[in-house]
Amino acid sequence: MFEFVWWWAFALLPLSWLVWRFARPIPRPAAIHLPKLPQGLGGKQTGSKVRYVLMVLLWISLVTALARPVWYGDPIQIQPEHRDMMLAVDLSGSMEMEDMQLPSGGTINRLDAVKHVLSDFIGKREGDRLGLVLFADHGYLQTPLTLDRNTVSQQLERAVLGLIGQQTAIGEGLGVATKTFIDSKAPQRVIILLSDGANTAGVIDPLEAAKLAKEYGVTIYTVGVGAEQMRQRSLFGSRIVNPSQDLDERTLAAIAKTTGGEYFRARNPEELEKIYQIIDQLEPISTVQQTWRPRDEMFRYPLALALLLSALIAVIRRRNG
């Protein structure tokens, strides 16, 4: 959309004509009159008309520039406040276990199930700053807090088992995630931690890391991943086993409770998806929005035209004397 911010400036357009019409002429000394040149031999009359037109255009250009023409672009929705959310994902060797039952009857490993559901969750967190921490033998900041959800999703998709070891450093994962909130000014800070085991590595105790997170106003939601029953076949037949017997639910629940969060159990992809829907309700996306329209000041164009016309008038005046 195009508009003049100071449209009232156009009231000055008649000013130059009024000055020319009513200003008293300054008396000049008597001049020596020479015979007029035949028309066509001198260019004064034509030059005067051209100069008059150029001066009118010059004045219109100056007034147009003074009226401050502005071009407004399409409205852009922005959110004045955002939430900082870190995703801490377990990459220990046990995440390779294929015990996540699909509705179709097949099974996929735990990490693939987390990637699939978590990618959808990331795509819906419009307006939030997201980050990604991976942990196994140690905690590792894969993606710092950013509004670019596509980058977070891509980094998660590229995560592979064995990248940083086979053990489970839950405490370090929480510690690295909490560290990213030190300079955060977001009103809400959230960590979602997914693990299928117990803390077996790292130098930080998970509960100590949870207490540190609480000091920084961070809420932690923990998710225990893995089925509770799985049929295992051997040379002597098959038997039902619990593939999640190493899952330390007590510690995960204590971590969440310390920071005012909740602990969830995901035995299959469907339960995992429901958990993220619950977290969406517990940590709703902010609906407060402000509208901003990009604005381009256009006064420089009529001002440049006025400068060009001034140069032309000076050239004509010099030629015609």
C-alpha atoms as a PDB file:
ATOM      1  CA  MET A   1       0.000   0.000   0.000  1.00  0.00           C
ATOM      2  CA  PHE A   2       1.238   3.501  -0.914  1.00  0.00           C
ATOM      3  CA  GLU A   3       0.423   6.620   1.066  1.00  0.00           C
ATOM      4  CA  PHE A   4       1.686  10.089   2.000  1.00  0.00           C
ATOM      5  CA  VAL A   5       2.360  10.326   5.727  1.00  0.00           C
ATOM      6  CA  TRP A   6       2.331  14.141   5.754  1.00  0.00           C
ATOM      7  CA  TRP A   7      -0.303  14.633   3.043  1.00  0.00           C
ATOM      8  CA  TRP A   8      -1.111  18.123   4.323  1.00  0.00           C
ATOM      9  CA  ALA A   9       2.196  19.289   2.789  1.00  0.00           C
ATOM     10  CA  PHE A  10       0.442  19.471  -0.596  1.00  0.00           C
ATOM     11  CA  ALA A  11      -1.292  22.604   0.718  1.00  0.00           C
ATOM     12  CA  LEU A  12       2.031  24.348   0.029  1.00  0.00           C
ATOM     13  CA  LEU A  13       1.775  23.786  -3.735  1.00  0.00           C
ATOM     14  CA  PRO A  14       0.146  27.198  -4.460  1.00  0.00           C
ATOM     15  CA  LEU A  15       2.740  28.992  -2.303  1.00  0.00           C
ATOM     16  CA  SER A  16       5.237  29.532  -5.123  1.00  0.00           C
ATOM     17  CA  TRP A  17       2.540  30.994  -7.414  1.00  0.00           C
ATOM     18  CA  LEU A  18       1.305  33.311  -4.627  1.00  0.00           C
ATOM     19  CA  VAL A  19       4.830  34.586  -4.028  1.00  0.00           C
ATOM     20  CA  TRP A  20       5.323  35.224  -7.745  1.00  0.00           C
ATOM     21  CA  ARG A  21       1.885  36.852  -8.119  1.00  0.00           C
ATOM     22  CA  PHE A  22       1.791  39.180  -5.134  1.00  0.00           C
ATOM     23  CA  ALA A  23       5.402  39.843  -4.222  1.00  0.00           C
ATOM     24  CA  ARG A  24       6.399  43.448  -4.973  1.00  0.00           C
ATOM     25  CA  PRO A  25       8.989  43.653  -7.750  1.00  0.00           C
ATOM     26  CA  ILE A  26      12.365  45.015  -6.734  1.00  0.00           C
ATOM     27  CA  PRO A  27      13.101  48.261  -8.648  1.00  0.00           C
ATOM     28  CA  ARG A  28      15.925  47.850 -11.093  1.00  0.00           C
ATOM     29  CA  PRO A  29      18.222  50.522 -12.539  1.00  0.00           C
ATOM     30  CA  ALA A  30      17.413  51.717 -16.028  1.00  0.00           C
ATOM     31  CA  ALA A  31      18.784  49.410 -18.625  1.00  0.00           C
ATOM     32  CA  ILE A  32      19.895  50.055 -22.197  1.00  0.00           C
ATOM     33  CA  HIS A  33      17.281  48.625 -24.549  1.00  0.00           C
ATOM     34  CA  LEU A  34      18.612  46.921 -27.633  1.00  0.00           C
ATOM     35  CA  PRO A  35      16.583  46.068 -30.705  1.00  0.00           C
ATOM     36  CA  LYS A  36      14.858  42.725 -30.432  1.00  0.00           C
ATOM     37  CA  LEU A  37      16.309  39.924 -32.437  1.00  0.00           C
ATOM     38  CA  PRO A  38      14.049  38.328 -34.979  1.00  0.00           C
ATOM     39  CA  GLN A  39      12.125  35.358 -33.550  1.00  0.00           C
ATOM     40  CA  GLY A  40      14.001  32.179 -34.091  1.00  0.00           C
ATOM     41  CA  LEU A  41      17.428  33.817 -33.922  1.00  0.00           C
ATOM     42  CA  GLY A  42      17.428  33.971 -30.107  1.00  0.00           C
ATOM     43  CA  GLY A  43      16.359  31.205 -27.764  1.00  0.00           C
ATOM     44  CA  LYS A  44      15.488  33.363 -24.771  1.00  0.00           C
ATOM     45  CA  GLN A  45      11.731  33.087 -25.146  1.00  0.00           C
ATOM     46  CA  THR A  46      11.780  29.343 -25.625  1.00  0.00           C
ATOM     47  CA  GLY A  47      14.358  28.952 -22.869  1.00  0.00           C
ATOM     48  CA  SER A  48      12.201  30.972 -20.478  1.00  0.00           C
ATOM     49  CA  LYS A  49       9.217  28.740 -21.056  1.00  0.00           C
ATOM     50  CA  VAL A  50      11.259  25.575 -20.538  1.00  0.00           C
ATOM     51  CA  ARG A  51      12.806  27.053 -17.411  1.00  0.00           C
ATOM     52  CA  TYR A  52       9.357  27.998 -16.091  1.00  0.00           C
ATOM     53  CA  VAL A  53       8.049  24.429 -16.620  1.00  0.00           C
ATOM     54  CA  LEU A  54      11.142  22.978 -14.959  1.00  0.00           C
ATOM     55  CA  MET A  55      10.749  25.268 -11.950  1.00  0.00           C
ATOM     56  CA  VAL A  56       7.120  24.201 -11.553  1.00  0.00           C
ATOM     57  CA  LEU A  57       8.181  20.545 -11.678  1.00  0.00           C
ATOM     58  CA  LEU A  58      10.977  21.309  -9.224  1.00  0.00           C
ATOM     59  CA  TRP A  59       8.543  22.787  -6.722  1.00  0.00           C
ATOM     60  CA  ILE A  60       6.111  19.866  -7.116  1.00  0.00           C
ATOM     61  CA  SER A  61       8.978  17.413  -6.514  1.00  0.00           C
ATOM     62  CA  LEU A  62      10.073  19.223  -3.331  1.00  0.00           C
ATOM     63  CA  VAL A  63       6.530  19.314  -1.942  1.00  0.00           C
ATOM     64  CA  THR A  64       6.040  15.625  -2.826  1.00  0.00           C
ATOM     65  CA  ALA A  65       9.239  14.730  -0.966  1.00  0.00           C
ATOM     66  CA  LEU A  66       8.089  16.833   2.001  1.00  0.00           C
ATOM     67  CA  ALA A  67       4.760  14.917   2.045  1.00  0.00           C
ATOM     68  CA  ARG A  68       6.840  11.796   2.891  1.00  0.00           C
ATOM     69  CA  PRO A  69       5.636   9.111   0.479  1.00  0.00           C
ATOM     70  CA  VAL A  70       5.815   5.624   2.016  1.00  0.00           C
ATOM     71  CA  TRP A  71       5.311   2.156   0.556  1.00  0.00           C
ATOM     72  CA  TYR A  72       3.973  -0.441   3.048  1.00  0.00           C
ATOM     73  CA  GLY A  73       4.579  -4.137   2.432  1.00  0.00           C
ATOM     74  CA  ASP A  74       2.357  -7.074   3.396  1.00  0.00           C
ATOM     75  CA  PRO A  75       1.622  -7.438   7.147  1.00  0.00           C
ATOM     76  CA  ILE A  76       3.962  -9.762   9.093  1.00  0.00           C
ATOM     77  CA  GLN A  77       2.786 -11.485  12.274  1.00  0.00           C
ATOM     78  CA  ILE A  78       5.342 -11.542  15.101  1.00  0.00           C
ATOM     79  CA  GLN A  79       5.167 -12.821  18.657  1.00  0.00           C
ATOM     80  CA  PRO A  80       6.565 -10.422  21.269  1.00  0.00           C
ATOM     81  CA  GLU A  81       7.312 -13.262  23.693  1.00  0.00           C
ATOM     82  CA  HIS A  82       8.675 -16.718  23.041  1.00  0.00           C
ATOM     83  CA  ARG A  83       9.309 -19.899  25.000  1.00  0.00           C
ATOM     84  CA  ASP A  84      12.707 -21.570  25.173  1.00  0.00           C
ATOM     85  CA  MET A  85      12.492 -25.345  24.875  1.00  0.00           C
ATOM     86  CA  MET A  86      15.390 -27.814  24.851  1.00  0.00           C
ATOM     87  CA  LEU A  87      14.944 -31.389  23.625  1.00  0.00           C
ATOM     88  CA  ALA A  88      17.326 -33.870  25.263  1.00  0.00           C
ATOM     89  CA  VAL A  89      17.415 -37.204  23.393  1.00  0.00           C
ATOM     90  CA  ASP A  90      19.108 -40.422  24.523  1.00  0.00           C
ATOM     91  CA  LEU A  91      21.515 -41.903  21.933  1.00  0.00           C
ATOM     92  CA  SER A  92      22.726 -44.844  24.009  1.00  0.00           C
ATOM     93  CA  GLY A  93      23.077 -48.279  22.429  1.00  0.00           C
ATOM     94  CA  SER A  94      19.806 -49.560  23.882  1.00  0.00           C
ATOM     95  CA  MET A  95      17.841 -47.064  21.733  1.00  0.00           C
ATOM     96  CA  GLU A  96      18.530 -49.478  18.853  1.00  0.00           C
ATOM     97  CA  MET A  97      16.145 -52.082  20.299  1.00  0.00           C
ATOM     98  CA  GLU A  98      13.201 -52.732  17.957  1.00  0.00           C
ATOM     99  CA  ASP A  99      10.337 -53.007  20.426  1.00  0.00           C
ATOM    100  CA  MET A 100       8.135 -50.060  19.443  1.00  0.00           C
ATOM    101  CA  GLN A 101       4.971 -51.673  18.066  1.00  0.00           C
ATOM    102  CA  LEU A 102       3.320 -49.936  15.108  1.00  0.00           C
ATOM    103  CA  PRO A 103      -0.465 -49.985  14.520  1.00  0.00           C
ATOM    104  CA  SER A 104       0.193 -51.965  11.329  1.00  0.00           C
ATOM    105  CA  GLY A 105       1.788 -54.748  13.359  1.00  0.00           C
ATOM    106  CA  GLY A 106       5.439 -54.135  12.570  1.00  0.00           C
ATOM    107  CA  THR A 107       8.094 -52.788  14.932  1.00  0.00           C
ATOM    108  CA  ILE A 108      10.708 -50.043  14.714  1.00  0.00           C
ATOM    109  CA  ASN A 109      13.576 -49.175  17.000  1.00  0.00           C
ATOM    110  CA  ARG A 110      13.191 -46.642  19.794  1.00  0.00           C
ATOM    111  CA  LEU A 111      15.233 -43.888  18.171  1.00  0.00           C
ATOM    112  CA  ASP A 112      13.240 -44.016  14.918  1.00  0.00           C
ATOM    113  CA  ALA A 113       9.999 -43.786  16.899  1.00  0.00           C
ATOM    114  CA  VAL A 114      11.320 -40.758  18.797  1.00  0.00           C
ATOM    115  CA  LYS A 115      12.469 -39.082  15.558  1.00  0.00           C
ATOM    116  CA  HIS A 116       9.113 -39.604  13.857  1.00  0.00           C
ATOM    117  CA  VAL A 117       6.950 -38.256  16.677  1.00  0.00           C
ATOM    118  CA  LEU A 118       9.359 -35.550  17.796  1.00  0.00           C
ATOM    119  CA  SER A 119       9.636 -34.134  14.259  1.00  0.00           C
ATOM    120  CA  ASP A 120       5.873 -33.540  14.200  1.00  0.00           C
ATOM    121  CA  PHE A 121       6.077 -31.928  17.625  1.00  0.00           C
ATOM    122  CA  ILE A 122       8.886 -29.597  16.467  1.00  0.00           C
ATOM    123  CA  GLY A 123       6.897 -28.548  13.413  1.00  0.00           C
ATOM    124  CA  LYS A 124       3.999 -27.387  15.591  1.00  0.00           C
ATOM    125  CA  ARG A 125       6.073 -25.243  17.999  1.00  0.00           C
ATOM    126  CA  GLU A 126       5.708 -22.063  15.961  1.00  0.00           C
ATOM    127  CA  GLY A 127       7.000 -19.038  17.868  1.00  0.00           C
ATOM    128  CA  ASP A 128       9.133 -21.042  20.330  1.00  0.00           C
ATOM    129  CA  ARG A 129      12.919 -21.178  20.351  1.00  0.00           C
ATOM    130  CA  LEU A 130      14.002 -24.810  20.204  1.00  0.00           C
ATOM    131  CA  GLY A 131      17.319 -26.525  20.825  1.00  0.00           C
ATOM    132  CA  LEU A 132      18.614 -30.096  20.717  1.00  0.00           C
ATOM    133  CA  VAL A 133      20.915 -31.940  23.144  1.00  0.00           C
ATOM    134  CA  LEU A 134      22.097 -35.497  22.488  1.00  0.00           C
ATOM    135  CA  PHE A 135      23.577 -37.657  25.221  1.00  0.00           C
ATOM    136  CA  ALA A 136      25.181 -41.083  25.566  1.00  0.00           C
ATOM    137  CA  ASP A 137      28.645 -41.333  27.153  1.00  0.00           C
ATOM    138  CA  HIS A 138      28.511 -37.527  27.438  1.00  0.00           C
ATOM    139  CA  GLY A 139      26.054 -34.719  26.840  1.00  0.00           C
ATOM    140  CA  TYR A 140      26.469 -32.798  23.582  1.00  0.00           C
ATOM    141  CA  LEU A 141      24.771 -29.585  22.376  1.00  0.00           C
ATOM    142  CA  GLN A 142      23.726 -30.424  18.846  1.00  0.00           C
ATOM    143  CA  THR A 143      21.625 -27.314  18.124  1.00  0.00           C
ATOM    144  CA  PRO A 144      21.590 -24.103  20.209  1.00  0.00           C
ATOM    145  CA  LEU A 145      18.277 -22.356  20.876  1.00  0.00           C
ATOM    146  CA  THR A 146      16.863 -21.058  17.618  1.00  0.00           C
ATOM    147  CA  LEU A 147      13.568 -20.031  16.002  1.00  0.00           C
ATOM    148  CA  ASP A 148      14.526 -22.087  12.939  1.00  0.00           C
ATOM    149  CA  ARG A 149      12.480 -25.241  13.534  1.00  0.00           C
ATOM    150  CA  ASN A 150      13.605 -26.814  10.255  1.00  0.00           C
ATOM    151  CA  THR A 151      17.227 -26.806  11.408  1.00  0.00           C
ATOM    152  CA  VAL A 152      16.335 -28.523  14.690  1.00  0.00           C
ATOM    153  CA  SER A 153      14.295 -31.144  12.851  1.00  0.00           C
ATOM    154  CA  GLN A 154      17.123 -31.800  10.367  1.00  0.00           C
ATOM    155  CA  GLN A 155      19.717 -32.154  13.125  1.00  0.00           C
ATOM    156  CA  LEU A 156      17.488 -34.645  14.930  1.00  0.00           C
ATOM    157  CA  GLU A 157      17.004 -36.669  11.745  1.00  0.00           C
ATOM    158  CA  ARG A 158      20.789 -36.861  11.244  1.00  0.00           C
ATOM    159  CA  ALA A 159      21.403 -38.229  14.754  1.00  0.00           C
ATOM    160  CA  VAL A 160      22.774 -41.781  14.645  1.00  0.00           C
ATOM    161  CA  LEU A 161      23.393 -44.349  17.352  1.00  0.00           C
ATOM    162  CA  GLY A 162      26.991 -44.702  18.503  1.00  0.00           C
ATOM    163  CA  LEU A 163      27.750 -41.082  17.666  1.00  0.00           C
ATOM    164  CA  ILE A 164      28.832 -40.272  21.233  1.00  0.00           C
ATOM    165  CA  GLY A 165      29.107 -43.722  22.815  1.00  0.00           C
ATOM    166  CA  GLN A 166      26.890 -46.502  24.129  1.00  0.00           C
ATOM    167  CA  GLN A 167      26.202 -45.532  27.759  1.00  0.00           C
ATOM    168  CA  THR A 168      23.626 -43.122  29.250  1.00  0.00           C
ATOM    169  CA  ALA A 169      24.710 -39.813  30.788  1.00  0.00           C
ATOM    170  CA  ILE A 170      21.311 -38.421  31.803  1.00  0.00           C
ATOM    171  CA  GLY A 171      22.842 -35.938  34.266  1.00  0.00           C
ATOM    172  CA  GLU A 172      25.187 -34.479  31.674  1.00  0.00           C
ATOM    173  CA  GLY A 173      22.386 -34.210  29.147  1.00  0.00           C
ATOM    174  CA  LEU A 174      20.340 -32.193  31.622  1.00  0.00           C
ATOM    175  CA  GLY A 175      23.376 -30.120  32.589  1.00  0.00           C
ATOM    176  CA  VAL A 176      24.166 -29.156  28.992  1.00  0.00           C
ATOM    177  CA  ALA A 177      20.505 -28.338  28.306  1.00  0.00           C
ATOM    178  CA  THR A 178      20.262 -26.206  31.461  1.00  0.00           C
ATOM    179  CA  LYS A 179      23.444 -24.324  30.557  1.00  0.00           C
ATOM    180  CA  THR A 180      21.772 -22.955  27.426  1.00  0.00           C
ATOM    181  CA  PHE A 181      19.233 -21.125  29.621  1.00  0.00           C
ATOM    182  CA  ILE A 182      21.814 -19.093  31.574  1.00  0.00           C
ATOM    183  CA  ASP A 183      21.429 -16.040  29.299  1.00  0.00           C
ATOM    184  CA  SER A 184      17.808 -16.741  28.395  1.00  0.00           C
ATOM    185  CA  LYS A 185      15.235 -14.017  29.008  1.00  0.00           C
ATOM    186  CA  ALA A 186      12.265 -16.148  27.973  1.00  0.00           C
ATOM    187  CA  PRO A 187       9.402 -16.179  30.504  1.00  0.00           C
ATOM    188  CA  GLN A 188       9.150 -19.985  30.178  1.00  0.00           C
ATOM    189  CA  ARG A 189      12.054 -22.456  29.961  1.00  0.00           C
ATOM    190  CA  VAL A 190      11.340 -26.120  29.329  1.00  0.00           C
ATOM    191  CA  ILE A 191      13.407 -29.289  28.906  1.00  0.00           C
ATOM    192  CA  ILE A 192      11.885 -32.465  27.446  1.00  0.00           C
ATOM    193  CA  LEU A 193      14.141 -35.429  28.175  1.00  0.00           C
ATOM    194  CA  LEU A 194      13.704 -38.833  26.526  1.00  0.00           C
ATOM    195  CA  SER A 195      15.588 -41.873  27.769  1.00  0.00           C
ATOM    196  CA  ASP A 196      15.215 -45.642  27.844  1.00  0.00           C
ATOM    197  CA  GLY A 197      17.674 -46.475  30.626  1.00  0.00           C
ATOM    198  CA  ALA A 198      19.423 -45.372  33.791  1.00  0.00           C
ATOM    199  CA  ASN A 199      22.270 -42.943  34.398  1.00  0.00           C
ATOM    200  CA  THR A 200      25.430 -45.005  33.768  1.00  0.00           C
ATOM    201  CA  ALA A 201      27.937 -42.350  32.686  1.00  0.00           C
ATOM    202  CA  GLY A 202      28.866 -38.713  33.081  1.00  0.00           C
ATOM    203  CA  VAL A 203      30.122 -36.630  36.004  1.00  0.00           C
ATOM    204  CA  ILE A 204      26.817 -35.034  37.045  1.00  0.00           C
ATOM    205  CA  ASP A 205      24.138 -36.779  39.080  1.00  0.00           C
ATOM    206  CA  PRO A 206      20.708 -36.446  37.409  1.00  0.00           C
ATOM    207  CA  LEU A 207      18.997 -35.178  40.571  1.00  0.00           C
ATOM    208  CA  GLU A 208      21.736 -32.582  41.131  1.00  0.00           C
ATOM    209  CA  ALA A 209      21.260 -31.459  37.525  1.00  0.00           C
ATOM    210  CA  ALA A 210      17.506 -31.198  38.166  1.00  0.00           C
ATOM    211  CA  LYS A 211      18.115 -28.980  41.209  1.00  0.00           C
ATOM    212  CA  LEU A 212      20.348 -26.737  39.115  1.00  0.00           C
ATOM    213  CA  ALA A 213      17.635 -26.510  36.453  1.00  0.00           C
ATOM    214  CA  LYS A 214      15.118 -25.510  39.113  1.00  0.00           C
ATOM    215  CA  GLU A 215      17.375 -22.617  40.177  1.00  0.00           C
ATOM    216  CA  TYR A 216      17.191 -21.252  36.636  1.00  0.00           C
ATOM    217  CA  GLY A 217      13.398 -21.580  36.523  1.00  0.00           C
ATOM    218  CA  VAL A 218      13.448 -24.555  34.141  1.00  0.00           C
ATOM    219  CA  THR A 219      10.613 -27.088  34.010  1.00  0.00           C
ATOM    220  CA  ILE A 220      11.614 -30.618  33.004  1.00  0.00           C
ATOM    221  CA  TYR A 221       9.289 -33.190  31.446  1.00  0.00           C
ATOM    222  CA  THR A 222      10.778 -36.692  31.313  1.00  0.00           C
ATOM    223  CA  VAL A 223       9.703 -39.523  29.029  1.00  0.00           C
ATOM    224  CA  GLY A 224      10.615 -43.184  29.541  1.00  0.00           C
ATOM    225  CA  VAL A 225      10.808 -44.920  26.154  1.00  0.00           C
ATOM    226  CA  GLY A 226      10.461 -48.665  25.523  1.00  0.00           C
ATOM    227  CA  ALA A 227       7.950 -51.498  25.509  1.00  0.00           C
ATOM    228  CA  GLU A 228       7.219 -53.527  28.641  1.00  0.00           C
ATOM    229  CA  GLN A 229       6.735 -56.831  26.842  1.00  0.00           C
ATOM    230  CA  MET A 230       8.545 -58.365  23.920  1.00  0.00           C
ATOM    231  CA  ARG A 231       8.606 -61.879  22.519  1.00  0.00           C
ATOM    232  CA  GLN A 232      12.153 -63.167  22.301  1.00  0.00           C
ATOM    233  CA  ARG A 233      12.939 -66.237  20.242  1.00  0.00           C
ATOM    234  CA  SER A 234      15.809 -68.655  20.790  1.00  0.00           C
ATOM    235  CA  LEU A 235      16.842 -72.226  19.934  1.00  0.00           C
ATOM    236  CA  PHE A 236      14.626 -73.508  22.761  1.00  0.00           C
ATOM    237  CA  GLY A 237      11.487 -71.640  21.678  1.00  0.00           C
ATOM    238  CA  SER A 238      10.206 -68.164  22.544  1.00  0.00           C
ATOM    239  CA  ARG A 239       9.526 -66.331  25.770  1.00  0.00           C
ATOM    240  CA  ILE A 240       8.114 -62.998  26.910  1.00  0.00           C
ATOM    241  CA  VAL A 241      10.731 -60.592  28.289  1.00  0.00           C
ATOM    242  CA  ASN A 242      10.701 -57.023  29.566  1.00  0.00           C
ATOM    243  CA  PRO A 243      13.030 -55.010  27.271  1.00  0.00           C
ATOM    244  CA  SER A 244      12.742 -51.955  29.555  1.00  0.00           C
ATOM    245  CA  GLN A 245      14.008 -53.583  32.725  1.00  0.00           C
ATOM    246  CA  ASP A 246      16.946 -51.138  32.820  1.00  0.00           C
ATOM    247  CA  LEU A 247      14.673 -48.082  32.657  1.00  0.00           C
ATOM    248  CA  ASP A 248      15.094 -46.029  35.850  1.00  0.00           C
ATOM    249  CA  GLU A 249      11.560 -44.684  36.150  1.00  0.00           C
ATOM    250  CA  ARG A 250      12.064 -43.613  39.752  1.00  0.00           C
ATOM    251  CA  THR A 251      14.894 -41.226  38.858  1.00  0.00           C
ATOM    252  CA  LEU A 252      13.081 -39.858  35.799  1.00  0.00           C
ATOM    253  CA  ALA A 253       9.973 -39.204  37.897  1.00  0.00           C
ATOM    254  CA  ALA A 254      12.079 -37.523  40.617  1.00  0.00           C
ATOM    255  CA  ILE A 255      13.756 -35.256  38.055  1.00  0.00           C
ATOM    256  CA  ALA A 256      10.384 -34.072  36.765  1.00  0.00           C
ATOM    257  CA  LYS A 257       8.932 -33.618  40.245  1.00  0.00           C
ATOM    258  CA  THR A 258      11.920 -31.521  41.387  1.00  0.00           C
ATOM    259  CA  THR A 259      11.256 -28.899  38.695  1.00  0.00           C
ATOM    260  CA  GLY A 260       7.448 -29.010  38.724  1.00  0.00           C
ATOM    261  CA  GLY A 261       7.199 -31.101  35.562  1.00  0.00           C
ATOM    262  CA  GLU A 262       5.765 -34.550  34.914  1.00  0.00           C
ATOM    263  CA  TYR A 263       7.016 -38.023  34.021  1.00  0.00           C
ATOM    264  CA  PHE A 264       5.445 -39.960  31.138  1.00  0.00           C
ATOM    265  CA  ARG A 265       5.773 -43.543  29.915  1.00  0.00           C
ATOM    266  CA  ALA A 266       5.887 -44.263  26.177  1.00  0.00           C
ATOM    267  CA  ARG A 267       5.567 -47.956  25.302  1.00  0.00           C
ATOM    268  CA  ASN A 268       4.829 -47.416  21.611  1.00  0.00           C
ATOM    269  CA  PRO A 269       4.721 -44.569  19.049  1.00  0.00           C
ATOM    270  CA  GLU A 270       1.016 -43.922  19.732  1.00  0.00           C
ATOM    271  CA  GLU A 271       1.635 -43.329  23.442  1.00  0.00           C
ATOM    272  CA  LEU A 272       4.622 -41.151  22.584  1.00  0.00           C
ATOM    273  CA  GLU A 273       2.453 -39.006  20.314  1.00  0.00           C
ATOM    274  CA  LYS A 274      -0.205 -38.647  23.031  1.00  0.00           C
ATOM    275  CA  ILE A 275       2.491 -37.541  25.473  1.00  0.00           C
ATOM    276  CA  TYR A 276       3.496 -34.680  23.178  1.00  0.00           C
ATOM    277  CA  GLN A 277      -0.144 -33.676  22.846  1.00  0.00           C
ATOM    278  CA  ILE A 278      -0.331 -33.522  26.652  1.00  0.00           C
ATOM    279  CA  ILE A 279       2.861 -31.434  26.790  1.00  0.00           C
ATOM    280  CA  ASP A 280       1.310 -29.110  24.196  1.00  0.00           C
ATOM    281  CA  GLN A 281      -1.584 -28.568  26.603  1.00  0.00           C
ATOM    282  CA  LEU A 282       0.717 -28.113  29.603  1.00  0.00           C
ATOM    283  CA  GLU A 283       2.993 -25.735  27.676  1.00  0.00           C
ATOM    284  CA  PRO A 284       0.622 -24.085  25.176  1.00  0.00           C
ATOM    285  CA  ILE A 285       2.018 -22.027  22.334  1.00  0.00           C
ATOM    286  CA  SER A 286       1.614 -18.314  22.980  1.00  0.00           C
ATOM    287  CA  THR A 287      -1.253 -16.790  20.975  1.00  0.00           C
ATOM    288  CA  VAL A 288      -0.184 -13.186  21.651  1.00  0.00           C
ATOM    289  CA  GLN A 289       0.800 -11.660  18.331  1.00  0.00           C
ATOM    290  CA  GLN A 290       1.732  -8.273  16.989  1.00  0.00           C
ATOM    291  CA  THR A 291       1.471  -7.124  13.391  1.00  0.00           C
ATOM    292  CA  TRP A 292       4.375  -5.384  11.697  1.00  0.00           C
ATOM    293  CA  ARG A 293       4.418  -4.019   8.178  1.00  0.00           C
ATOM    294  CA  PRO A 294       7.721  -3.418   6.382  1.00  0.00           C
ATOM    295  CA  ARG A 295       7.979   0.219   5.345  1.00  0.00           C
ATOM    296  CA  ASP A 296      10.044   1.800   2.574  1.00  0.00           C
ATOM    297  CA  GLU A 297      10.527   5.576   2.676  1.00  0.00           C
ATOM    298  CA  MET A 298      10.164   6.884  -0.918  1.00  0.00           C
ATOM    299  CA  PHE A 299      10.994  10.591  -0.394  1.00  0.00           C
ATOM    300  CA  ARG A 300      14.464  10.098  -1.883  1.00  0.00           C
ATOM    301  CA  TYR A 301      13.019   9.663  -5.390  1.00  0.00           C
ATOM    302  CA  PRO A 302      11.192  13.019  -5.715  1.00  0.00           C
ATOM    303  CA  LEU A 303      14.121  14.648  -3.895  1.00  0.00           C
ATOM    304  CA  ALA A 304      16.550  13.204  -6.451  1.00  0.00           C
ATOM    305  CA  LEU A 305      14.273  14.463  -9.245  1.00  0.00           C
ATOM    306  CA  ALA A 306      14.282  17.928  -7.692  1.00  0.00           C
ATOM    307  CA  LEU A 307      18.094  17.908  -7.614  1.00  0.00           C
ATOM    308  CA  LEU A 308      18.223  16.907 -11.290  1.00  0.00           C
ATOM    309  CA  LEU A 309      15.759  19.645 -12.256  1.00  0.00           C
ATOM    310  CA  SER A 310      17.807  22.213 -10.321  1.00  0.00           C
ATOM    311  CA  ALA A 311      20.874  21.256 -12.347  1.00  0.00           C
ATOM    312  CA  LEU A 312      18.932  21.576 -15.634  1.00  0.00           C
ATOM    313  CA  ILE A 313      17.580  25.006 -14.661  1.00  0.00           C
ATOM    314  CA  ALA A 314      21.084  26.204 -13.804  1.00  0.00           C
ATOM    315  CA  VAL A 315      22.417  25.005 -17.179  1.00  0.00           C
ATOM    316  CA  ILE A 316      19.575  26.733 -19.113  1.00  0.00           C
ATOM    317  CA  ARG A 317      20.000  29.976 -17.144  1.00  0.00           C
ATOM    318  CA  ARG A 318      23.740  30.018 -17.855  1.00  0.00           C
ATOM    319  CA  ARG A 319      23.264  29.443 -21.594  1.00  0.00           C
ATOM    320  CA  ASN A 320      20.599  32.130 -21.958  1.00  0.00           C
ATOM    321  CA  GLY A 321      22.370  34.599 -19.751  1.00  0.00           C
END
